[in-house]
N, C-alpha and C. Protein backbone atom coordinates (compact mmCIF):
# COMPACT_ATOMS: atom_id res chain seq x y z
N MET A 1 11.60 -13.56 -83.45
CA MET A 1 10.31 -13.33 -82.84
C MET A 1 10.35 -11.91 -82.26
N GLN A 2 9.16 -11.22 -82.42
CA GLN A 2 9.01 -9.91 -81.96
C GLN A 2 7.96 -9.82 -80.99
N TRP A 3 8.22 -9.14 -79.77
CA TRP A 3 7.33 -9.11 -78.76
C TRP A 3 6.57 -7.86 -78.81
N ILE A 4 5.34 -7.91 -78.59
CA ILE A 4 4.46 -6.74 -78.50
C ILE A 4 3.98 -6.46 -77.18
N SER A 5 4.20 -5.30 -76.75
CA SER A 5 3.81 -4.89 -75.40
C SER A 5 2.72 -3.83 -75.26
N TRP A 6 1.71 -4.10 -74.53
CA TRP A 6 0.69 -3.04 -74.32
C TRP A 6 0.31 -3.04 -72.92
N GLN A 7 -0.31 -2.03 -72.50
CA GLN A 7 -0.71 -1.84 -71.08
C GLN A 7 -1.95 -2.76 -70.85
N ARG A 8 -2.23 -3.20 -69.69
CA ARG A 8 -3.25 -4.14 -69.37
C ARG A 8 -4.22 -3.12 -68.65
N PRO A 9 -5.42 -2.80 -69.29
CA PRO A 9 -6.23 -1.93 -68.64
C PRO A 9 -6.81 -2.38 -67.30
N VAL A 10 -7.02 -3.58 -67.04
CA VAL A 10 -7.50 -3.99 -65.68
C VAL A 10 -6.39 -3.65 -64.70
N LEU A 11 -5.20 -4.02 -65.01
CA LEU A 11 -4.10 -3.64 -63.98
C LEU A 11 -4.01 -2.17 -63.80
N VAL A 12 -4.16 -1.44 -64.75
CA VAL A 12 -4.14 0.10 -64.81
C VAL A 12 -5.12 0.58 -63.87
N PHE A 13 -6.41 0.06 -64.05
CA PHE A 13 -7.51 0.57 -63.37
C PHE A 13 -7.38 0.11 -61.93
N LYS A 14 -6.79 -1.08 -61.57
CA LYS A 14 -6.50 -1.43 -60.14
C LYS A 14 -5.63 -0.59 -59.45
N ILE A 15 -4.56 -0.22 -60.15
CA ILE A 15 -3.45 0.62 -59.67
C ILE A 15 -4.25 2.16 -59.36
N THR A 16 -4.85 2.64 -60.38
CA THR A 16 -5.49 3.99 -60.15
C THR A 16 -6.45 4.05 -59.00
N ASP A 17 -7.17 2.80 -58.92
CA ASP A 17 -8.24 2.80 -57.94
C ASP A 17 -7.68 2.64 -56.52
N LEU A 18 -6.47 2.07 -56.42
CA LEU A 18 -5.70 1.74 -55.18
C LEU A 18 -5.24 3.30 -54.80
N ILE A 19 -4.51 3.98 -55.66
CA ILE A 19 -3.93 5.30 -55.52
C ILE A 19 -5.00 6.21 -54.97
N ASP A 20 -6.17 6.21 -55.67
CA ASP A 20 -7.38 7.12 -55.41
C ASP A 20 -7.86 6.81 -54.02
N ARG A 21 -8.00 5.50 -53.64
CA ARG A 21 -8.59 5.14 -52.29
C ARG A 21 -7.61 5.47 -51.18
N ILE A 22 -6.32 5.25 -51.33
CA ILE A 22 -5.34 5.63 -50.34
C ILE A 22 -5.32 7.21 -50.16
N LEU A 23 -5.26 7.90 -51.21
CA LEU A 23 -5.21 9.43 -51.22
C LEU A 23 -6.41 9.97 -50.67
N ARG A 24 -7.63 9.47 -50.96
CA ARG A 24 -8.84 9.90 -50.41
C ARG A 24 -8.85 9.81 -48.91
N ASN A 25 -8.39 8.62 -48.32
CA ASN A 25 -8.29 8.37 -47.09
C ASN A 25 -7.36 9.34 -46.31
N TRP A 26 -6.16 9.48 -47.03
CA TRP A 26 -5.21 10.40 -46.34
C TRP A 26 -5.75 11.73 -46.33
N CYS A 27 -6.35 12.19 -47.42
CA CYS A 27 -6.94 13.73 -47.32
C CYS A 27 -8.11 13.74 -46.24
N ASP A 28 -8.83 12.75 -46.11
CA ASP A 28 -9.95 12.79 -44.99
C ASP A 28 -9.32 12.88 -43.60
N GLU A 29 -8.28 12.16 -43.42
CA GLU A 29 -7.61 12.02 -42.10
C GLU A 29 -6.83 13.36 -41.81
N ASN A 30 -6.34 14.02 -42.70
CA ASN A 30 -5.48 15.20 -42.58
C ASN A 30 -6.15 16.52 -42.89
N GLY A 31 -7.41 16.45 -43.29
CA GLY A 31 -8.08 17.68 -43.57
C GLY A 31 -7.71 18.53 -44.84
N HIS A 32 -7.22 17.83 -45.86
CA HIS A 32 -6.78 18.37 -47.06
C HIS A 32 -7.80 18.04 -48.20
N GLN A 33 -7.84 18.93 -49.25
CA GLN A 33 -8.68 18.74 -50.42
C GLN A 33 -7.74 17.86 -51.38
N LYS A 34 -8.45 16.92 -52.21
CA LYS A 34 -7.72 16.21 -53.04
C LYS A 34 -6.91 16.94 -54.16
N GLU A 35 -7.35 18.05 -54.28
CA GLU A 35 -6.60 19.15 -55.31
C GLU A 35 -5.46 19.87 -54.69
N SER A 36 -5.15 19.73 -53.35
CA SER A 36 -4.24 20.61 -52.64
C SER A 36 -2.72 20.16 -53.00
N VAL A 37 -1.92 21.01 -52.71
CA VAL A 37 -0.52 20.75 -53.02
C VAL A 37 -0.03 19.58 -52.29
N GLU A 38 -0.46 19.47 -50.93
CA GLU A 38 0.01 18.37 -50.26
C GLU A 38 -0.38 17.00 -50.75
N ALA A 39 -1.75 17.00 -51.29
CA ALA A 39 -2.32 15.76 -51.70
C ALA A 39 -1.58 15.47 -53.18
N SER A 40 -1.26 16.46 -53.85
CA SER A 40 -0.38 16.20 -55.08
C SER A 40 0.87 15.56 -54.77
N ARG A 41 1.46 15.97 -53.76
CA ARG A 41 2.85 15.55 -53.28
C ARG A 41 2.71 14.04 -52.88
N LYS A 42 1.59 13.83 -52.10
CA LYS A 42 1.42 12.39 -51.72
C LYS A 42 1.15 11.46 -52.94
N ALA A 43 0.31 12.01 -53.82
CA ALA A 43 0.08 11.26 -54.95
C ALA A 43 1.26 10.86 -55.82
N LYS A 44 2.29 11.81 -55.93
CA LYS A 44 3.51 11.65 -56.58
C LYS A 44 4.30 10.49 -55.82
N SER A 45 4.38 10.67 -54.57
CA SER A 45 5.06 9.69 -53.67
C SER A 45 4.46 8.23 -53.88
N LEU A 46 3.11 8.14 -54.02
CA LEU A 46 2.52 6.95 -54.16
C LEU A 46 3.05 6.34 -55.44
N LEU A 47 3.05 7.15 -56.53
CA LEU A 47 3.38 6.49 -57.90
C LEU A 47 4.79 6.06 -57.82
N GLN A 48 5.59 6.80 -57.16
CA GLN A 48 7.05 6.31 -57.14
C GLN A 48 7.22 5.06 -56.49
N TRP A 49 6.54 5.02 -55.24
CA TRP A 49 6.51 3.64 -54.48
C TRP A 49 6.14 2.47 -55.32
N ILE A 50 4.97 2.83 -56.09
CA ILE A 50 4.38 1.71 -56.84
C ILE A 50 5.40 1.29 -57.91
N GLU A 51 5.99 2.31 -58.58
CA GLU A 51 7.08 1.98 -59.57
C GLU A 51 8.21 1.26 -59.13
N LEU A 52 8.58 1.41 -57.87
CA LEU A 52 9.63 0.54 -57.20
C LEU A 52 8.98 -0.82 -56.92
N GLY A 53 7.80 -1.06 -57.01
CA GLY A 53 7.35 -2.53 -56.75
C GLY A 53 6.36 -2.57 -55.58
N VAL A 54 6.34 -1.49 -54.71
CA VAL A 54 5.52 -1.61 -53.62
C VAL A 54 3.96 -1.39 -53.99
N THR A 55 3.20 -2.50 -53.71
CA THR A 55 1.83 -2.48 -54.11
C THR A 55 0.81 -2.81 -53.10
N ASP A 56 1.33 -3.11 -51.92
CA ASP A 56 0.46 -3.45 -50.76
C ASP A 56 -0.11 -2.19 -50.23
N GLU A 57 -1.55 -2.30 -50.22
CA GLU A 57 -2.29 -1.14 -49.82
C GLU A 57 -1.80 -0.59 -48.42
N HIS A 58 -1.75 -1.47 -47.48
CA HIS A 58 -1.41 -1.12 -46.09
C HIS A 58 -0.03 -0.59 -45.98
N GLU A 59 0.94 -1.21 -46.73
CA GLU A 59 2.25 -0.55 -46.74
C GLU A 59 2.36 0.81 -47.36
N LEU A 60 1.68 1.02 -48.52
CA LEU A 60 1.68 2.32 -49.20
C LEU A 60 0.97 3.36 -48.25
N THR A 61 -0.04 2.86 -47.52
CA THR A 61 -0.76 3.87 -46.61
C THR A 61 0.15 4.22 -45.52
N ASP A 62 0.89 3.38 -44.98
CA ASP A 62 1.87 3.70 -43.90
C ASP A 62 2.97 4.47 -44.50
N LEU A 63 3.46 4.32 -45.71
CA LEU A 63 4.57 5.07 -46.13
C LEU A 63 4.21 6.54 -46.24
N ILE A 64 2.98 6.81 -46.79
CA ILE A 64 2.58 8.18 -46.93
C ILE A 64 2.03 8.86 -45.62
N ARG A 65 1.43 7.98 -44.78
CA ARG A 65 1.10 8.50 -43.42
C ARG A 65 2.36 8.90 -42.62
N ASP A 66 3.41 8.18 -42.74
CA ASP A 66 4.76 8.44 -42.05
C ASP A 66 5.62 9.45 -42.79
N ASP A 67 5.07 9.91 -43.88
CA ASP A 67 5.80 10.91 -44.78
C ASP A 67 7.11 10.45 -45.22
N ILE A 68 7.12 9.23 -45.57
CA ILE A 68 8.37 8.57 -46.23
C ILE A 68 8.34 8.86 -47.65
N VAL A 69 9.19 9.72 -48.16
CA VAL A 69 9.16 10.14 -49.60
C VAL A 69 10.46 9.62 -50.33
N ILE A 70 10.35 9.52 -51.54
CA ILE A 70 11.47 9.23 -52.31
C ILE A 70 12.06 10.57 -52.91
N THR A 71 13.40 10.83 -52.75
CA THR A 71 13.87 12.13 -53.36
C THR A 71 14.85 11.50 -54.50
N MET A 72 14.84 12.42 -55.64
CA MET A 72 15.54 12.22 -56.73
C MET A 72 16.68 13.36 -56.66
N LYS A 73 17.87 12.82 -56.88
CA LYS A 73 18.95 13.80 -56.88
C LYS A 73 19.42 14.12 -58.26
């Protein structure tokens, strides 16, 4: 039997909506534009946390607010 895998659009939309909402709030709180270098760094950090399985909005908000980032060596 062969498995076919494809992205689920609803899930992808929910994740992008989550990232956008958290990032927008962070930018508003810190006076940054969404296109700024700082916002880009936070967006990358959010994606990394989500890839590691963190999907709770409050937890993700705390992680970027406290500037907890994942570094790759």
